[in-house]
Amino acid sequence: MMKTTRSYIILLVLPLVSLMGTTKAFEPTKPGTIEIKTIPAGVLLESTSEKSYFSQSNGLFMPLFRYIQKKDISMTTPVEARINPGKMYFWVDPSQLEKADESTDAVTVIQMPSRLVASIGESGSYSEENYLDAKNRLMQWIQGQNEIEAIGEPFGVYWDGPVTPWFLKKFEVQVEVRKQT
């Protein structure tokens, strides 16, 4: 009985998971892993709020979603989130750059340079508690490294859409780093 119920849940959930973009701007960090990686340069769409990301995440998402819907831009992964003040970023697939041709009152088109980051991969819900736990472990790890130092504030990187069940969600906390000389 339990196996049958689980099978039905999986059959119901898998189509919903595919609603999030399939084009990846870069490869995710595997859950349970900390790594140093280079995030490529790209065009991102930015929505901002004066409040914390965790108090305004839906308020940040909809302007971006309306922008890509109006411009017929495909959804990509991941979504980046700056925490305080709240900012959310959608990556624009390189094949669709001409569609992201102008900023609006609610969405700013930005050129993001490549970045060297320390990244911790995690799984679970996109809660403030999970973000803070991963952030603290990442920053503690960085403190034990002699060859790098953190620059700037950590940020969230979210790989799955809002309809993905919490137990299937993957996320990262990243912070820009520089090599120490």
C-alpha atoms as a PDB file:
ATOM      1  CA  MET A   1       0.000   0.000   0.000  1.00  0.00           C
ATOM      2  CA  MET A   2       2.770   2.448   0.965  1.00  0.00           C
ATOM      3  CA  LYS A   3       4.727   1.748  -2.240  1.00  0.00           C
ATOM      4  CA  THR A   4       1.615   2.372  -4.361  1.00  0.00           C
ATOM      5  CA  THR A   5       0.921   5.691  -2.621  1.00  0.00           C
ATOM      6  CA  ARG A   6       4.529   6.788  -3.146  1.00  0.00           C
ATOM      7  CA  SER A   7       4.298   5.864  -6.846  1.00  0.00           C
ATOM      8  CA  TYR A   8       1.163   7.997  -7.265  1.00  0.00           C
ATOM      9  CA  ILE A   9       2.837  10.941  -5.551  1.00  0.00           C
ATOM     10  CA  ILE A  10       5.859  10.664  -7.829  1.00  0.00           C
ATOM     11  CA  LEU A  11       3.629  10.472 -10.914  1.00  0.00           C
ATOM     12  CA  LEU A  12       1.775  13.602  -9.797  1.00  0.00           C
ATOM     13  CA  VAL A  13       4.877  15.568  -8.851  1.00  0.00           C
ATOM     14  CA  LEU A  14       7.220  14.926 -11.794  1.00  0.00           C
ATOM     15  CA  PRO A  15       5.213  16.962 -14.343  1.00  0.00           C
ATOM     16  CA  LEU A  16       5.115  19.883 -11.905  1.00  0.00           C
ATOM     17  CA  VAL A  17       8.881  19.808 -11.403  1.00  0.00           C
ATOM     18  CA  SER A  18       9.357  20.406 -15.126  1.00  0.00           C
ATOM     19  CA  LEU A  19       7.596  23.775 -14.903  1.00  0.00           C
ATOM     20  CA  MET A  20      10.880  25.372 -13.817  1.00  0.00           C
ATOM     21  CA  GLY A  21      13.328  26.250 -16.566  1.00  0.00           C
ATOM     22  CA  THR A  22      15.476  23.526 -18.028  1.00  0.00           C
ATOM     23  CA  THR A  23      18.331  25.717 -19.248  1.00  0.00           C
ATOM     24  CA  LYS A  24      21.011  26.033 -16.571  1.00  0.00           C
ATOM     25  CA  ALA A  25      23.224  29.111 -16.401  1.00  0.00           C
ATOM     26  CA  PHE A  26      25.865  26.952 -14.675  1.00  0.00           C
ATOM     27  CA  GLU A  27      26.108  23.604 -12.931  1.00  0.00           C
ATOM     28  CA  PRO A  28      24.751  23.285  -9.407  1.00  0.00           C
ATOM     29  CA  THR A  29      26.862  22.378  -6.409  1.00  0.00           C
ATOM     30  CA  LYS A  30      25.827  18.927  -5.208  1.00  0.00           C
ATOM     31  CA  PRO A  31      24.030  18.807  -1.837  1.00  0.00           C
ATOM     32  CA  GLY A  32      26.447  18.192   1.012  1.00  0.00           C
ATOM     33  CA  THR A  33      29.373  19.654  -0.959  1.00  0.00           C
ATOM     34  CA  ILE A  34      31.376  22.858  -0.597  1.00  0.00           C
ATOM     35  CA  GLU A  35      33.384  23.994  -3.610  1.00  0.00           C
ATOM     36  CA  ILE A  36      35.071  26.964  -5.236  1.00  0.00           C
ATOM     37  CA  LYS A  37      33.732  27.624  -8.729  1.00  0.00           C
ATOM     38  CA  THR A  38      33.521  30.312 -11.363  1.00  0.00           C
ATOM     39  CA  ILE A  39      30.057  31.578 -12.224  1.00  0.00           C
ATOM     40  CA  PRO A  40      30.005  32.730 -15.851  1.00  0.00           C
ATOM     41  CA  ALA A  41      29.243  36.269 -16.939  1.00  0.00           C
ATOM     42  CA  GLY A  42      25.692  36.769 -18.108  1.00  0.00           C
ATOM     43  CA  VAL A  43      22.657  38.966 -18.472  1.00  0.00           C
ATOM     44  CA  LEU A  44      20.357  38.887 -15.466  1.00  0.00           C
ATOM     45  CA  LEU A  45      16.988  40.426 -14.760  1.00  0.00           C
ATOM     46  CA  GLU A  46      16.747  42.073 -11.335  1.00  0.00           C
ATOM     47  CA  SER A  47      13.756  42.834  -9.116  1.00  0.00           C
ATOM     48  CA  THR A  48      14.353  44.701  -5.833  1.00  0.00           C
ATOM     49  CA  SER A  49      12.647  45.402  -2.518  1.00  0.00           C
ATOM     50  CA  GLU A  50      13.621  47.390   0.562  1.00  0.00           C
ATOM     51  CA  LYS A  51      12.494  44.450   2.720  1.00  0.00           C
ATOM     52  CA  SER A  52      14.253  41.153   3.330  1.00  0.00           C
ATOM     53  CA  TYR A  53      14.067  38.511   0.611  1.00  0.00           C
ATOM     54  CA  PHE A  54      12.320  36.112   2.954  1.00  0.00           C
ATOM     55  CA  SER A  55       9.545  38.592   3.698  1.00  0.00           C
ATOM     56  CA  GLN A  56       9.072  39.587   0.043  1.00  0.00           C
ATOM     57  CA  SER A  57      10.040  36.638  -2.160  1.00  0.00           C
ATOM     58  CA  ASN A  58       6.666  36.483  -3.952  1.00  0.00           C
ATOM     59  CA  GLY A  59       6.757  40.251  -4.412  1.00  0.00           C
ATOM     60  CA  LEU A  60      10.119  39.895  -6.115  1.00  0.00           C
ATOM     61  CA  PHE A  61       9.183  36.936  -8.311  1.00  0.00           C
ATOM     62  CA  MET A  62       6.095  38.285 -10.072  1.00  0.00           C
ATOM     63  CA  PRO A  63       7.681  41.351 -11.757  1.00  0.00           C
ATOM     64  CA  LEU A  64      10.375  39.060 -13.176  1.00  0.00           C
ATOM     65  CA  PHE A  65       7.844  36.460 -14.260  1.00  0.00           C
ATOM     66  CA  ARG A  66       5.651  39.088 -15.969  1.00  0.00           C
ATOM     67  CA  TYR A  67       8.732  40.486 -17.753  1.00  0.00           C
ATOM     68  CA  ILE A  68       9.805  37.135 -19.197  1.00  0.00           C
ATOM     69  CA  GLN A  69       6.210  36.248 -20.067  1.00  0.00           C
ATOM     70  CA  LYS A  70       5.647  39.550 -21.905  1.00  0.00           C
ATOM     71  CA  LYS A  71       8.986  39.258 -23.741  1.00  0.00           C
ATOM     72  CA  ASP A  72       8.573  35.512 -24.417  1.00  0.00           C
ATOM     73  CA  ILE A  73      11.837  34.695 -22.621  1.00  0.00           C
ATOM     74  CA  SER A  74      12.297  31.122 -21.434  1.00  0.00           C
ATOM     75  CA  MET A  75      12.679  30.487 -17.720  1.00  0.00           C
ATOM     76  CA  THR A  76      16.183  29.392 -16.780  1.00  0.00           C
ATOM     77  CA  THR A  77      17.784  28.164 -13.588  1.00  0.00           C
ATOM     78  CA  PRO A  78      18.957  29.082 -11.102  1.00  0.00           C
ATOM     79  CA  VAL A  79      17.210  32.036  -9.474  1.00  0.00           C
ATOM     80  CA  GLU A  80      19.574  34.128  -7.355  1.00  0.00           C
ATOM     81  CA  ALA A  81      18.454  35.949  -4.229  1.00  0.00           C
ATOM     82  CA  ARG A  82      20.177  38.695  -2.258  1.00  0.00           C
ATOM     83  CA  ILE A  83      18.789  38.678   1.227  1.00  0.00           C
ATOM     84  CA  ASN A  84      18.744  42.142   2.777  1.00  0.00           C
ATOM     85  CA  PRO A  85      17.612  44.228   1.069  1.00  0.00           C
ATOM     86  CA  GLY A  86      15.740  41.675  -1.008  1.00  0.00           C
ATOM     87  CA  LYS A  87      16.742  41.207  -4.629  1.00  0.00           C
ATOM     88  CA  MET A  88      15.884  38.412  -7.025  1.00  0.00           C
ATOM     89  CA  TYR A  89      17.635  37.644 -10.300  1.00  0.00           C
ATOM     90  CA  PHE A  90      16.591  35.580 -13.302  1.00  0.00           C
ATOM     91  CA  TRP A  91      19.297  34.508 -15.749  1.00  0.00           C
ATOM     92  CA  VAL A  92      18.642  35.147 -19.453  1.00  0.00           C
ATOM     93  CA  ASP A  93      19.590  32.305 -21.780  1.00  0.00           C
ATOM     94  CA  PRO A  94      22.324  33.513 -24.188  1.00  0.00           C
ATOM     95  CA  SER A  95      20.132  32.551 -27.165  1.00  0.00           C
ATOM     96  CA  GLN A  96      17.474  35.054 -25.983  1.00  0.00           C
ATOM     97  CA  LEU A  97      19.567  38.097 -25.113  1.00  0.00           C
ATOM     98  CA  GLU A  98      17.915  40.264 -27.778  1.00  0.00           C
ATOM     99  CA  LYS A  99      14.561  39.848 -25.975  1.00  0.00           C
ATOM    100  CA  ALA A 100      15.948  41.328 -22.736  1.00  0.00           C
ATOM    101  CA  ASP A 101      16.483  44.625 -24.501  1.00  0.00           C
ATOM    102  CA  GLU A 102      15.314  47.154 -21.906  1.00  0.00           C
ATOM    103  CA  SER A 103      14.696  47.734 -18.231  1.00  0.00           C
ATOM    104  CA  THR A 104      11.237  48.622 -16.869  1.00  0.00           C
ATOM    105  CA  ASP A 105      10.082  50.325 -13.679  1.00  0.00           C
ATOM    106  CA  ALA A 106      10.004  46.933 -11.919  1.00  0.00           C
ATOM    107  CA  VAL A 107      12.838  45.009 -13.638  1.00  0.00           C
ATOM    108  CA  THR A 108      16.409  46.066 -14.369  1.00  0.00           C
ATOM    109  CA  VAL A 109      18.480  44.330 -17.060  1.00  0.00           C
ATOM    110  CA  ILE A 110      22.063  43.983 -15.813  1.00  0.00           C
ATOM    111  CA  GLN A 111      25.344  42.627 -17.127  1.00  0.00           C
ATOM    112  CA  MET A 112      26.862  40.428 -14.432  1.00  0.00           C
ATOM    113  CA  PRO A 113      30.605  39.761 -14.741  1.00  0.00           C
ATOM    114  CA  SER A 114      31.996  36.310 -14.057  1.00  0.00           C
ATOM    115  CA  ARG A 115      32.481  35.662 -10.357  1.00  0.00           C
ATOM    116  CA  LEU A 116      34.624  33.338  -8.288  1.00  0.00           C
ATOM    117  CA  VAL A 117      32.447  31.972  -5.466  1.00  0.00           C
ATOM    118  CA  ALA A 118      32.540  29.548  -2.592  1.00  0.00           C
ATOM    119  CA  SER A 119      29.352  27.499  -2.770  1.00  0.00           C
ATOM    120  CA  ILE A 120      27.628  25.052  -0.442  1.00  0.00           C
ATOM    121  CA  GLY A 121      25.014  22.771  -1.986  1.00  0.00           C
ATOM    122  CA  GLU A 122      21.933  21.797   0.021  1.00  0.00           C
ATOM    123  CA  SER A 123      18.516  20.234  -0.349  1.00  0.00           C
ATOM    124  CA  GLY A 124      15.241  21.026   1.375  1.00  0.00           C
ATOM    125  CA  SER A 125      12.794  23.891   1.659  1.00  0.00           C
ATOM    126  CA  TYR A 126      13.777  27.417   0.691  1.00  0.00           C
ATOM    127  CA  SER A 127      13.302  28.732   4.221  1.00  0.00           C
ATOM    128  CA  GLU A 128      15.224  31.442   6.006  1.00  0.00           C
ATOM    129  CA  GLU A 129      16.280  28.870   8.611  1.00  0.00           C
ATOM    130  CA  ASN A 130      17.803  26.566   5.960  1.00  0.00           C
ATOM    131  CA  TYR A 131      19.493  29.511   4.250  1.00  0.00           C
ATOM    132  CA  LEU A 132      21.044  30.741   7.520  1.00  0.00           C
ATOM    133  CA  ASP A 133      22.204  27.250   8.495  1.00  0.00           C
ATOM    134  CA  ALA A 134      23.942  26.740   5.124  1.00  0.00           C
ATOM    135  CA  LYS A 135      25.371  30.280   5.178  1.00  0.00           C
ATOM    136  CA  ASN A 136      26.868  29.766   8.636  1.00  0.00           C
ATOM    137  CA  ARG A 137      28.469  26.459   7.629  1.00  0.00           C
ATOM    138  CA  LEU A 138      29.871  28.009   4.434  1.00  0.00           C
ATOM    139  CA  MET A 139      31.339  31.014   6.233  1.00  0.00           C
ATOM    140  CA  GLN A 140      32.840  28.769   8.915  1.00  0.00           C
ATOM    141  CA  TRP A 141      34.438  26.645   6.175  1.00  0.00           C
ATOM    142  CA  ILE A 142      35.881  29.755   4.482  1.00  0.00           C
ATOM    143  CA  GLN A 143      37.433  30.890   7.767  1.00  0.00           C
ATOM    144  CA  GLY A 144      39.410  27.637   7.814  1.00  0.00           C
ATOM    145  CA  GLN A 145      40.821  28.211   4.320  1.00  0.00           C
ATOM    146  CA  ASN A 146      44.120  30.073   3.985  1.00  0.00           C
ATOM    147  CA  GLU A 147      44.016  30.579   0.220  1.00  0.00           C
ATOM    148  CA  ILE A 148      40.700  32.469  -0.104  1.00  0.00           C
ATOM    149  CA  GLU A 149      38.739  35.217   1.599  1.00  0.00           C
ATOM    150  CA  ALA A 150      35.075  36.156   1.282  1.00  0.00           C
ATOM    151  CA  ILE A 151      34.205  39.466  -0.344  1.00  0.00           C
ATOM    152  CA  GLY A 152      30.662  40.768  -0.193  1.00  0.00           C
ATOM    153  CA  GLU A 153      27.581  39.198   1.340  1.00  0.00           C
ATOM    154  CA  PRO A 154      26.441  35.589   0.899  1.00  0.00           C
ATOM    155  CA  PHE A 155      23.390  35.000  -1.316  1.00  0.00           C
ATOM    156  CA  GLY A 156      20.939  32.236  -2.127  1.00  0.00           C
ATOM    157  CA  VAL A 157      20.833  30.257  -5.368  1.00  0.00           C
ATOM    158  CA  TYR A 158      17.610  28.321  -5.954  1.00  0.00           C
ATOM    159  CA  TRP A 159      17.282  25.586  -8.558  1.00  0.00           C
ATOM    160  CA  ASP A 160      13.642  24.482  -8.425  1.00  0.00           C
ATOM    161  CA  GLY A 161      10.289  26.133  -8.961  1.00  0.00           C
ATOM    162  CA  PRO A 162       7.689  26.961  -6.342  1.00  0.00           C
ATOM    163  CA  VAL A 163       5.589  23.867  -7.068  1.00  0.00           C
ATOM    164  CA  THR A 164       8.491  21.462  -6.457  1.00  0.00           C
ATOM    165  CA  PRO A 165       7.956  19.613  -3.162  1.00  0.00           C
ATOM    166  CA  TRP A 166      10.385  20.677  -0.414  1.00  0.00           C
ATOM    167  CA  PHE A 167      12.036  17.253  -0.297  1.00  0.00           C
ATOM    168  CA  LEU A 168      13.065  17.538  -3.961  1.00  0.00           C
ATOM    169  CA  LYS A 169      14.318  21.139  -3.851  1.00  0.00           C
ATOM    170  CA  LYS A 170      18.023  21.942  -4.277  1.00  0.00           C
ATOM    171  CA  PHE A 171      19.689  25.198  -3.342  1.00  0.00           C
ATOM    172  CA  GLU A 172      23.068  26.752  -2.686  1.00  0.00           C
ATOM    173  CA  VAL A 173      24.475  29.552  -0.618  1.00  0.00           C
ATOM    174  CA  GLN A 174      27.302  31.331  -2.388  1.00  0.00           C
ATOM    175  CA  VAL A 175      29.637  34.148  -1.532  1.00  0.00           C
ATOM    176  CA  GLU A 176      32.145  35.824  -3.803  1.00  0.00           C
ATOM    177  CA  VAL A 177      35.743  35.062  -2.864  1.00  0.00           C
ATOM    178  CA  ARG A 178      39.181  36.148  -3.917  1.00  0.00           C
ATOM    179  CA  LYS A 179      42.420  34.250  -3.714  1.00  0.00           C
ATOM    180  CA  GLN A 180      44.810  35.499  -1.091  1.00  0.00           C
ATOM    181  CA  THR A 181      48.360  36.204  -2.133  1.00  0.00           C
END
